[in-house]
Amino acid sequence: MEKTRAQFLAETLESDPANAFVRYALAMELSNSDHSSPAWRHFEHLLTHQPEYLATYYQAGKFLVKQGRAGEAKNVFAKGIEVARSQGQEHARSELEAALHELTHP
């Protein structure tokens, strides 16, 4: 039987738990599945242990919005804006600002 992408990513993460890209990919894969609840554990890990991994903020915020957790999403977007600004990532900053604005001004 062929492994799913999520299974492959989970196994890869077991052998390299500090790999931010693999953890992010697993979170994304899970968030787009029928069983999305485990995704937050991986987003949260990245936000806590690898806060410089900028891509996490937008997707984690969007995930929280889908889960009905708008207050938490606002905080994630706001923190992502800070990180993007500190990294000089203007495009990411503008996307995060737009997401935050959309959430605060529906």
Foldseek 3Di string as FASTA:
>chain_A
DDDDPLVVLVVVCVVPVVPLVSLQVNLVVLLPDPNNVVSLVSLVCCCPPVVLPLVSLVVNLVSCVVVVNNVVSLVSLVSSLVSCVVVVNVVSNVSSVVVNCVSVPD
